[in-house]
């Protein structure tokens, strides 16, 4: 699914037209946030997005898991497995599972720590017996599990867009209702359009941290100065392309696909052929 452009603008007629539906969606989302859940057998740290799409939630979850492991903890990821066919609960095996079965993000998470896919988060937590701490990559808006510590992530370049709730805007629930259940706010990539959100968080005594995405040093060293055909199937491909350009990679061509796009063989062949014909990496 591609995000509507009016979500990230101001004064849109389409957004105003959808405001009644947004009010209904927001009321239900706020009610869900207030519901009680079951407690897992280990502390739960939840990483969530204020908005739909790529704010940097998964990189944040990965960084947290690495920090916890370095501190002597045994972190285990718990995630829904968006885009995968298997409902779980199951422990992801990167050697056996494919993205079509468990989703693409769980395969990435499993490179760092054991990862459980479960649409039913309570059942998923039930098989995390070896974990000293559970890191939820998504699930902030799912009330089924009690969260001991919740971190909200926002992209400083995009902020909360027009500030409205789905479908009139990108917010997953009313902003104040989300902040009321957060223990920390992480702004990724500078404050630009997130300064107001940061101030509101500080006013509610919520710590505000700033972070930046840092690409792999070895990969960037190899790509720097080369002309490439870049492609991405993520919520905000412009951020990926900008990261490459800022690192000195020459973007001769760029292709955008929908978030969590499942590439076909024909698409993969076409990308390789286009790059080869143009002499691009």
C-alpha atoms as a PDB file:
ATOM      1  CA  UNK A   1       0.000   0.000   0.000  1.00  0.00           C
ATOM      2  CA  UNK A   2       1.247   3.483  -0.891  1.00  0.00           C
ATOM      3  CA  UNK A   3       0.512   6.316   1.514  1.00  0.00           C
ATOM      4  CA  UNK A   4      -1.741   9.111   0.190  1.00  0.00           C
ATOM      5  CA  UNK A   5       0.302  12.231  -0.539  1.00  0.00           C
ATOM      6  CA  UNK A   6      -2.211  14.435   1.294  1.00  0.00           C
ATOM      7  CA  UNK A   7      -1.277  12.769   4.593  1.00  0.00           C
ATOM      8  CA  UNK A   8       1.988  14.700   4.555  1.00  0.00           C
ATOM      9  CA  UNK A   9       0.652  18.053   3.348  1.00  0.00           C
ATOM     10  CA  UNK A  10      -1.609  20.698   4.827  1.00  0.00           C
ATOM     11  CA  UNK A  11      -5.122  21.944   4.099  1.00  0.00           C
ATOM     12  CA  UNK A  12      -6.173  19.047   1.874  1.00  0.00           C
ATOM     13  CA  UNK A  13      -9.810  18.744   0.791  1.00  0.00           C
ATOM     14  CA  UNK A  14      -9.504  14.943   0.842  1.00  0.00           C
ATOM     15  CA  UNK A  15      -8.277  15.038   4.433  1.00  0.00           C
ATOM     16  CA  UNK A  16     -11.161  17.290   5.508  1.00  0.00           C
ATOM     17  CA  UNK A  17     -13.630  15.010   3.738  1.00  0.00           C
ATOM     18  CA  UNK A  18     -12.315  11.999   5.660  1.00  0.00           C
ATOM     19  CA  UNK A  19     -12.305  13.785   9.035  1.00  0.00           C
ATOM     20  CA  UNK A  20     -15.557  12.139  10.294  1.00  0.00           C
ATOM     21  CA  UNK A  21     -14.142   8.666   9.586  1.00  0.00           C
ATOM     22  CA  UNK A  22     -10.886   9.695  11.250  1.00  0.00           C
ATOM     23  CA  UNK A  23     -12.790  10.769  14.370  1.00  0.00           C
ATOM     24  CA  UNK A  24     -14.454   7.355  14.552  1.00  0.00           C
ATOM     25  CA  UNK A  25     -11.200   5.482  13.907  1.00  0.00           C
ATOM     26  CA  UNK A  26      -9.413   7.626  16.478  1.00  0.00           C
ATOM     27  CA  UNK A  27     -12.052   6.991  19.138  1.00  0.00           C
ATOM     28  CA  UNK A  28     -11.775   3.224  18.658  1.00  0.00           C
ATOM     29  CA  UNK A  29      -7.957   3.376  18.636  1.00  0.00           C
ATOM     30  CA  UNK A  30      -7.953   5.429  21.843  1.00  0.00           C
ATOM     31  CA  UNK A  31     -10.333   2.973  23.507  1.00  0.00           C
ATOM     32  CA  UNK A  32      -8.062   0.064  22.524  1.00  0.00           C
ATOM     33  CA  UNK A  33      -5.025   1.840  23.937  1.00  0.00           C
ATOM     34  CA  UNK A  34      -6.769   2.113  27.286  1.00  0.00           C
ATOM     35  CA  UNK A  35      -7.645  -1.565  27.608  1.00  0.00           C
ATOM     36  CA  UNK A  36      -5.776  -3.804  30.026  1.00  0.00           C
ATOM     37  CA  UNK A  37      -3.715  -6.763  28.890  1.00  0.00           C
ATOM     38  CA  UNK A  38      -2.032  -9.895  30.184  1.00  0.00           C
ATOM     39  CA  UNK A  39       1.431  -9.874  31.706  1.00  0.00           C
ATOM     40  CA  UNK A  40       4.211 -11.848  30.019  1.00  0.00           C
ATOM     41  CA  UNK A  41       6.713 -14.032  31.855  1.00  0.00           C
ATOM     42  CA  UNK A  42       9.477 -11.480  31.172  1.00  0.00           C
ATOM     43  CA  UNK A  43       9.573  -7.669  31.044  1.00  0.00           C
ATOM     44  CA  UNK A  44       8.240  -6.285  27.750  1.00  0.00           C
ATOM     45  CA  UNK A  45       9.875  -3.371  25.938  1.00  0.00           C
ATOM     46  CA  UNK A  46       7.675  -2.168  23.082  1.00  0.00           C
ATOM     47  CA  UNK A  47       8.815  -0.067  20.123  1.00  0.00           C
ATOM     48  CA  UNK A  48       6.030   1.588  18.154  1.00  0.00           C
ATOM     49  CA  UNK A  49       5.316   4.278  15.579  1.00  0.00           C
ATOM     50  CA  UNK A  50       3.168   7.351  16.088  1.00  0.00           C
ATOM     51  CA  UNK A  51       2.264   7.152  12.419  1.00  0.00           C
ATOM     52  CA  UNK A  52       1.749   4.613   9.674  1.00  0.00           C
ATOM     53  CA  UNK A  53       4.908   3.794   7.779  1.00  0.00           C
ATOM     54  CA  UNK A  54       8.644   3.861   8.218  1.00  0.00           C
ATOM     55  CA  UNK A  55       9.766   6.117  11.043  1.00  0.00           C
ATOM     56  CA  UNK A  56      12.683   3.889  12.058  1.00  0.00           C
ATOM     57  CA  UNK A  57      10.905   1.459  14.376  1.00  0.00           C
ATOM     58  CA  UNK A  58      12.704  -1.711  13.303  1.00  0.00           C
ATOM     59  CA  UNK A  59      16.233  -0.192  13.378  1.00  0.00           C
ATOM     60  CA  UNK A  60      15.387   1.135  16.853  1.00  0.00           C
ATOM     61  CA  UNK A  61      14.255  -2.306  18.007  1.00  0.00           C
ATOM     62  CA  UNK A  62      17.455  -3.838  16.628  1.00  0.00           C
ATOM     63  CA  UNK A  63      19.601  -1.248  18.413  1.00  0.00           C
ATOM     64  CA  UNK A  64      17.761  -1.840  21.702  1.00  0.00           C
ATOM     65  CA  UNK A  65      18.230  -5.604  21.438  1.00  0.00           C
ATOM     66  CA  UNK A  66      21.965  -5.179  20.833  1.00  0.00           C
ATOM     67  CA  UNK A  67      22.244  -2.864  23.842  1.00  0.00           C
ATOM     68  CA  UNK A  68      20.332  -5.317  26.030  1.00  0.00           C
ATOM     69  CA  UNK A  69      22.521  -8.225  24.892  1.00  0.00           C
ATOM     70  CA  UNK A  70      25.658  -6.174  25.595  1.00  0.00           C
ATOM     71  CA  UNK A  71      24.315  -5.585  29.119  1.00  0.00           C
ATOM     72  CA  UNK A  72      24.043  -9.338  29.696  1.00  0.00           C
ATOM     73  CA  UNK A  73      20.328  -9.739  28.967  1.00  0.00           C
ATOM     74  CA  UNK A  74      18.758 -12.390  26.725  1.00  0.00           C
ATOM     75  CA  UNK A  75      16.469 -10.363  24.436  1.00  0.00           C
ATOM     76  CA  UNK A  76      13.898 -12.028  22.226  1.00  0.00           C
ATOM     77  CA  UNK A  77      11.838 -10.265  19.567  1.00  0.00           C
ATOM     78  CA  UNK A  78       8.065 -10.630  19.397  1.00  0.00           C
ATOM     79  CA  UNK A  79       6.387  -9.397  16.225  1.00  0.00           C
ATOM     80  CA  UNK A  80       3.223  -9.953  14.226  1.00  0.00           C
ATOM     81  CA  UNK A  81       5.055 -10.955  11.051  1.00  0.00           C
ATOM     82  CA  UNK A  82       3.352  -8.520   8.688  1.00  0.00           C
ATOM     83  CA  UNK A  83       3.069  -9.935   5.177  1.00  0.00           C
ATOM     84  CA  UNK A  84       3.692 -13.538   6.237  1.00  0.00           C
ATOM     85  CA  UNK A  85       1.194 -16.362   5.797  1.00  0.00           C
ATOM     86  CA  UNK A  86       1.946 -18.135   9.101  1.00  0.00           C
ATOM     87  CA  UNK A  87      -0.042 -16.990  12.129  1.00  0.00           C
ATOM     88  CA  UNK A  88       2.288 -18.563  14.705  1.00  0.00           C
ATOM     89  CA  UNK A  89       3.300 -18.589  17.406  1.00  0.00           C
ATOM     90  CA  UNK A  90       6.596 -19.851  16.033  1.00  0.00           C
ATOM     91  CA  UNK A  91      10.309 -19.241  16.392  1.00  0.00           C
ATOM     92  CA  UNK A  92      11.759 -17.892  13.161  1.00  0.00           C
ATOM     93  CA  UNK A  93      14.437 -20.034  11.536  1.00  0.00           C
ATOM     94  CA  UNK A  94      16.220 -17.937   8.861  1.00  0.00           C
ATOM     95  CA  UNK A  95      17.600 -21.106   7.270  1.00  0.00           C
ATOM     96  CA  UNK A  96      14.124 -22.552   6.779  1.00  0.00           C
ATOM     97  CA  UNK A  97      11.563 -19.761   6.710  1.00  0.00           C
ATOM     98  CA  UNK A  98      10.934 -17.388   3.824  1.00  0.00           C
ATOM     99  CA  UNK A  99       9.496 -13.866   3.769  1.00  0.00           C
ATOM    100  CA  UNK A 100       6.228 -15.139   2.314  1.00  0.00           C
ATOM    101  CA  UNK A 101       5.831 -17.329   5.413  1.00  0.00           C
ATOM    102  CA  UNK A 102       6.916 -15.078   8.286  1.00  0.00           C
ATOM    103  CA  UNK A 103       7.298 -11.623   6.707  1.00  0.00           C
ATOM    104  CA  UNK A 104      10.456  -9.779   5.725  1.00  0.00           C
ATOM    105  CA  UNK A 105      11.136  -7.909   8.978  1.00  0.00           C
ATOM    106  CA  UNK A 106      11.243 -11.023  11.217  1.00  0.00           C
ATOM    107  CA  UNK A 107      14.009 -12.466   9.028  1.00  0.00           C
ATOM    108  CA  UNK A 108      15.982  -9.257   9.576  1.00  0.00           C
ATOM    109  CA  UNK A 109      15.313  -9.283  13.325  1.00  0.00           C
ATOM    110  CA  UNK A 110      16.355 -12.931  13.614  1.00  0.00           C
ATOM    111  CA  UNK A 111      19.901 -12.010  12.565  1.00  0.00           C
ATOM    112  CA  UNK A 112      20.271 -10.152  15.873  1.00  0.00           C
ATOM    113  CA  UNK A 113      18.204 -12.136  18.398  1.00  0.00           C
ATOM    114  CA  UNK A 114      15.733 -15.049  18.541  1.00  0.00           C
ATOM    115  CA  UNK A 115      12.474 -13.891  16.975  1.00  0.00           C
ATOM    116  CA  UNK A 116       8.916 -15.046  17.565  1.00  0.00           C
ATOM    117  CA  UNK A 117       6.159 -14.415  15.032  1.00  0.00           C
ATOM    118  CA  UNK A 118       2.654 -14.432  16.489  1.00  0.00           C
ATOM    119  CA  UNK A 119      -0.531 -12.668  15.515  1.00  0.00           C
ATOM    120  CA  UNK A 120      -1.714 -13.503  19.023  1.00  0.00           C
ATOM    121  CA  UNK A 121       0.885 -11.655  21.091  1.00  0.00           C
ATOM    122  CA  UNK A 122      -0.091 -13.418  24.336  1.00  0.00           C
ATOM    123  CA  UNK A 123       0.528 -16.840  22.786  1.00  0.00           C
ATOM    124  CA  UNK A 124       3.774 -15.532  21.312  1.00  0.00           C
ATOM    125  CA  UNK A 125       5.000 -14.349  24.695  1.00  0.00           C
ATOM    126  CA  UNK A 126       4.092 -17.775  26.042  1.00  0.00           C
ATOM    127  CA  UNK A 127       6.867 -19.456  24.033  1.00  0.00           C
ATOM    128  CA  UNK A 128       9.529 -16.877  24.977  1.00  0.00           C
ATOM    129  CA  UNK A 129      10.652 -18.890  27.987  1.00  0.00           C
ATOM    130  CA  UNK A 130      14.381 -18.353  27.374  1.00  0.00           C
ATOM    131  CA  UNK A 131      14.091 -14.567  27.192  1.00  0.00           C
ATOM    132  CA  UNK A 132      15.052 -12.275  30.052  1.00  0.00           C
ATOM    133  CA  UNK A 133      13.358  -9.412  28.174  1.00  0.00           C
ATOM    134  CA  UNK A 134      10.892  -9.356  25.272  1.00  0.00           C
ATOM    135  CA  UNK A 135      11.321  -6.647  22.632  1.00  0.00           C
ATOM    136  CA  UNK A 136       8.121  -5.990  20.694  1.00  0.00           C
ATOM    137  CA  UNK A 137       8.762  -4.616  17.223  1.00  0.00           C
ATOM    138  CA  UNK A 138       5.224  -3.295  16.706  1.00  0.00           C
ATOM    139  CA  UNK A 139       2.251  -3.925  18.969  1.00  0.00           C
ATOM    140  CA  UNK A 140       2.141  -0.555  20.760  1.00  0.00           C
ATOM    141  CA  UNK A 141      -1.491  -0.204  19.702  1.00  0.00           C
ATOM    142  CA  UNK A 142      -2.326  -3.840  20.520  1.00  0.00           C
ATOM    143  CA  UNK A 143      -3.597  -4.001  24.127  1.00  0.00           C
ATOM    144  CA  UNK A 144      -3.313  -7.766  24.631  1.00  0.00           C
ATOM    145  CA  UNK A 145       0.086  -7.633  26.425  1.00  0.00           C
ATOM    146  CA  UNK A 146       1.154  -5.332  29.251  1.00  0.00           C
ATOM    147  CA  UNK A 147       4.137  -3.205  28.191  1.00  0.00           C
ATOM    148  CA  UNK A 148       6.657  -2.454  30.926  1.00  0.00           C
ATOM    149  CA  UNK A 149       8.387   0.195  28.828  1.00  0.00           C
ATOM    150  CA  UNK A 150       7.093   1.736  25.590  1.00  0.00           C
ATOM    151  CA  UNK A 151       9.154   3.752  23.139  1.00  0.00           C
ATOM    152  CA  UNK A 152       7.510   5.748  20.357  1.00  0.00           C
ATOM    153  CA  UNK A 153       9.527   6.566  17.244  1.00  0.00           C
ATOM    154  CA  UNK A 154       8.900   9.469  14.864  1.00  0.00           C
ATOM    155  CA  UNK A 155      10.722  10.522  11.706  1.00  0.00           C
ATOM    156  CA  UNK A 156      11.972  14.069  12.286  1.00  0.00           C
ATOM    157  CA  UNK A 157      11.879  14.788   8.555  1.00  0.00           C
ATOM    158  CA  UNK A 158       8.179  13.967   8.193  1.00  0.00           C
ATOM    159  CA  UNK A 159       6.843  14.397  11.726  1.00  0.00           C
ATOM    160  CA  UNK A 160       3.152  13.515  11.980  1.00  0.00           C
ATOM    161  CA  UNK A 161       2.242  14.961   8.592  1.00  0.00           C
ATOM    162  CA  UNK A 162      -1.060  16.815   8.656  1.00  0.00           C
ATOM    163  CA  UNK A 163      -1.581  15.733  12.276  1.00  0.00           C
ATOM    164  CA  UNK A 164      -4.774  13.797  11.573  1.00  0.00           C
ATOM    165  CA  UNK A 165      -5.720  10.212  12.327  1.00  0.00           C
ATOM    166  CA  UNK A 166      -6.175   7.465   9.715  1.00  0.00           C
ATOM    167  CA  UNK A 167      -7.697   7.711   7.095  1.00  0.00           C
ATOM    168  CA  UNK A 168      -7.513  11.528   7.079  1.00  0.00           C
ATOM    169  CA  UNK A 169      -3.840  11.474   8.051  1.00  0.00           C
ATOM    170  CA  UNK A 170      -0.995   9.174   9.106  1.00  0.00           C
ATOM    171  CA  UNK A 171      -1.532   9.082  12.900  1.00  0.00           C
ATOM    172  CA  UNK A 172      -2.403   5.623  14.243  1.00  0.00           C
ATOM    173  CA  UNK A 173      -4.385   7.166  17.122  1.00  0.00           C
ATOM    174  CA  UNK A 174      -4.866  10.658  18.577  1.00  0.00           C
ATOM    175  CA  UNK A 175      -1.430  12.070  19.421  1.00  0.00           C
ATOM    176  CA  UNK A 176      -2.141  12.821  23.092  1.00  0.00           C
ATOM    177  CA  UNK A 177      -3.557   9.322  23.659  1.00  0.00           C
ATOM    178  CA  UNK A 178      -0.375   7.791  22.265  1.00  0.00           C
ATOM    179  CA  UNK A 179       1.969  10.034  24.236  1.00  0.00           C
ATOM    180  CA  UNK A 180       0.044   9.255  27.430  1.00  0.00           C
ATOM    181  CA  UNK A 181       1.133   5.611  27.159  1.00  0.00           C
ATOM    182  CA  UNK A 182       4.754   6.212  26.141  1.00  0.00           C
ATOM    183  CA  UNK A 183       7.790   6.211  28.407  1.00  0.00           C
ATOM    184  CA  UNK A 184      10.126   7.782  25.832  1.00  0.00           C
ATOM    185  CA  UNK A 185      10.021   9.437  22.412  1.00  0.00           C
ATOM    186  CA  UNK A 186      12.803   8.921  19.870  1.00  0.00           C
ATOM    187  CA  UNK A 187      13.092  11.395  17.004  1.00  0.00           C
ATOM    188  CA  UNK A 188      15.061   9.953  14.095  1.00  0.00           C
ATOM    189  CA  UNK A 189      16.985  12.271  11.806  1.00  0.00           C
ATOM    190  CA  UNK A 190      16.698  15.731  13.371  1.00  0.00           C
ATOM    191  CA  UNK A 191      13.736  17.697  14.680  1.00  0.00           C
ATOM    192  CA  UNK A 192      12.681  19.545  11.506  1.00  0.00           C
ATOM    193  CA  UNK A 193       8.965  18.642  11.499  1.00  0.00           C
ATOM    194  CA  UNK A 194       8.938  16.986  14.920  1.00  0.00           C
ATOM    195  CA  UNK A 195       9.810  19.970  17.127  1.00  0.00           C
ATOM    196  CA  UNK A 196       6.188  20.483  18.205  1.00  0.00           C
ATOM    197  CA  UNK A 197       5.771  16.789  19.054  1.00  0.00           C
ATOM    198  CA  UNK A 198       8.991  16.852  21.065  1.00  0.00           C
ATOM    199  CA  UNK A 199       7.791  19.876  23.039  1.00  0.00           C
ATOM    200  CA  UNK A 200       4.460  18.210  23.799  1.00  0.00           C
ATOM    201  CA  UNK A 201       6.277  15.095  24.976  1.00  0.00           C
ATOM    202  CA  UNK A 202       8.587  17.102  27.240  1.00  0.00           C
ATOM    203  CA  UNK A 203       5.570  18.952  28.652  1.00  0.00           C
ATOM    204  CA  UNK A 204       4.182  15.547  29.634  1.00  0.00           C
ATOM    205  CA  UNK A 205       7.526  14.645  31.296  1.00  0.00           C
ATOM    206  CA  UNK A 206       8.356  12.123  28.575  1.00  0.00           C
ATOM    207  CA  UNK A 207      12.103  11.956  27.789  1.00  0.00           C
ATOM    208  CA  UNK A 208      12.895  12.912  24.185  1.00  0.00           C
ATOM    209  CA  UNK A 209      15.921  11.300  22.536  1.00  0.00           C
ATOM    210  CA  UNK A 210      17.401  11.993  19.121  1.00  0.00           C
ATOM    211  CA  UNK A 211      18.853   9.324  16.858  1.00  0.00           C
ATOM    212  CA  UNK A 212      20.114   8.937  13.336  1.00  0.00           C
ATOM    213  CA  UNK A 213      20.305   6.040  10.922  1.00  0.00           C
ATOM    214  CA  UNK A 214      23.883   5.017  10.218  1.00  0.00           C
ATOM    215  CA  UNK A 215      24.451   2.846   7.123  1.00  0.00           C
ATOM    216  CA  UNK A 216      26.890  -0.060   7.145  1.00  0.00           C
ATOM    217  CA  UNK A 217      30.388   1.422   6.902  1.00  0.00           C
ATOM    218  CA  UNK A 218      31.849  -1.351   4.723  1.00  0.00           C
ATOM    219  CA  UNK A 219      28.932  -1.361   2.272  1.00  0.00           C
ATOM    220  CA  UNK A 220      29.001   2.420   1.898  1.00  0.00           C
ATOM    221  CA  UNK A 221      32.788   2.384   1.410  1.00  0.00           C
ATOM    222  CA  UNK A 222      32.313  -0.021  -1.500  1.00  0.00           C
ATOM    223  CA  UNK A 223      29.435   1.964  -3.036  1.00  0.00           C
ATOM    224  CA  UNK A 224      30.803   5.489  -2.544  1.00  0.00           C
ATOM    225  CA  UNK A 225      31.406   7.208  -5.878  1.00  0.00           C
ATOM    226  CA  UNK A 226      29.731   4.434  -7.861  1.00  0.00           C
ATOM    227  CA  UNK A 227      26.675   5.005 -10.013  1.00  0.00           C
ATOM    228  CA  UNK A 228      23.825   2.819  -8.835  1.00  0.00           C
ATOM    229  CA  UNK A 229      20.254   1.843  -9.576  1.00  0.00           C
ATOM    230  CA  UNK A 230      18.641   2.007  -6.139  1.00  0.00           C
ATOM    231  CA  UNK A 231      15.298   0.407  -5.357  1.00  0.00           C
ATOM    232  CA  UNK A 232      13.236   0.084  -2.194  1.00  0.00           C
ATOM    233  CA  UNK A 233       9.951  -1.423  -1.071  1.00  0.00           C
ATOM    234  CA  UNK A 234       9.534   0.497   2.176  1.00  0.00           C
ATOM    235  CA  UNK A 235       7.073   3.078   3.494  1.00  0.00           C
ATOM    236  CA  UNK A 236       9.381   6.043   2.854  1.00  0.00           C
ATOM    237  CA  UNK A 237      11.782   5.175   0.017  1.00  0.00           C
ATOM    238  CA  UNK A 238      12.903   8.814  -0.249  1.00  0.00           C
ATOM    239  CA  UNK A 239      14.633   8.443   3.120  1.00  0.00           C
ATOM    240  CA  UNK A 240      16.597   5.439   1.832  1.00  0.00           C
ATOM    241  CA  UNK A 241      17.600   7.245  -1.355  1.00  0.00           C
ATOM    242  CA  UNK A 242      18.599  10.352   0.623  1.00  0.00           C
ATOM    243  CA  UNK A 243      20.763   8.237   2.947  1.00  0.00           C
ATOM    244  CA  UNK A 244      22.626   6.816  -0.051  1.00  0.00           C
ATOM    245  CA  UNK A 245      23.133  10.244  -1.614  1.00  0.00           C
ATOM    246  CA  UNK A 246      24.368  11.763   1.665  1.00  0.00           C
ATOM    247  CA  UNK A 247      26.906   8.927   1.930  1.00  0.00           C
ATOM    248  CA  UNK A 248      28.388   9.773  -1.476  1.00  0.00           C
ATOM    249  CA  UNK A 249      26.621   7.147  -3.582  1.00  0.00           C
ATOM    250  CA  UNK A 250      25.610   8.404  -7.045  1.00  0.00           C
ATOM    251  CA  UNK A 251      21.938   7.642  -7.675  1.00  0.00           C
ATOM    252  CA  UNK A 252      21.727   7.345 -11.450  1.00  0.00           C
ATOM    253  CA  UNK A 253      18.273   5.758 -11.194  1.00  0.00           C
ATOM    254  CA  UNK A 254      15.773   4.981  -8.451  1.00  0.00           C
ATOM    255  CA  UNK A 255      12.729   2.712  -8.306  1.00  0.00           C
ATOM    256  CA  UNK A 256      10.070   2.813  -5.592  1.00  0.00           C
ATOM    257  CA  UNK A 257       7.786  -0.076  -4.666  1.00  0.00           C
ATOM    258  CA  UNK A 258       4.998  -0.320  -2.049  1.00  0.00           C
ATOM    259  CA  UNK A 259       5.881  -1.028   1.588  1.00  0.00           C
ATOM    260  CA  UNK A 260       6.743  -4.705   2.221  1.00  0.00           C
ATOM    261  CA  UNK A 261       6.529  -5.325  -1.520  1.00  0.00           C
ATOM    262  CA  UNK A 262       6.925  -8.958  -2.534  1.00  0.00           C
ATOM    263  CA  UNK A 263       9.135  -8.821  -5.601  1.00  0.00           C
ATOM    264  CA  UNK A 264       8.316 -11.099  -8.494  1.00  0.00           C
ATOM    265  CA  UNK A 265      10.965 -12.874 -10.517  1.00  0.00           C
ATOM    266  CA  UNK A 266      10.088 -10.664 -13.494  1.00  0.00           C
ATOM    267  CA  UNK A 267      10.661  -7.509 -11.427  1.00  0.00           C
ATOM    268  CA  UNK A 268      14.015  -8.766 -10.164  1.00  0.00           C
ATOM    269  CA  UNK A 269      15.147  -9.656 -13.681  1.00  0.00           C
ATOM    270  CA  UNK A 270      13.996  -6.261 -14.992  1.00  0.00           C
ATOM    271  CA  UNK A 271      15.941  -4.406 -12.289  1.00  0.00           C
ATOM    272  CA  UNK A 272      19.108  -6.381 -13.048  1.00  0.00           C
ATOM    273  CA  UNK A 273      18.690  -5.875 -16.804  1.00  0.00           C
ATOM    274  CA  UNK A 274      18.133  -2.115 -16.412  1.00  0.00           C
ATOM    275  CA  UNK A 275      21.241  -1.782 -14.253  1.00  0.00           C
ATOM    276  CA  UNK A 276      23.365  -3.879 -16.597  1.00  0.00           C
ATOM    277  CA  UNK A 277      22.286  -1.962 -19.710  1.00  0.00           C
ATOM    278  CA  UNK A 278      23.135   1.364 -18.061  1.00  0.00           C
ATOM    279  CA  UNK A 279      26.380   0.106 -16.522  1.00  0.00           C
ATOM    280  CA  UNK A 280      25.109   0.647 -12.990  1.00  0.00           C
ATOM    281  CA  UNK A 281      25.654  -1.248  -9.766  1.00  0.00           C
END
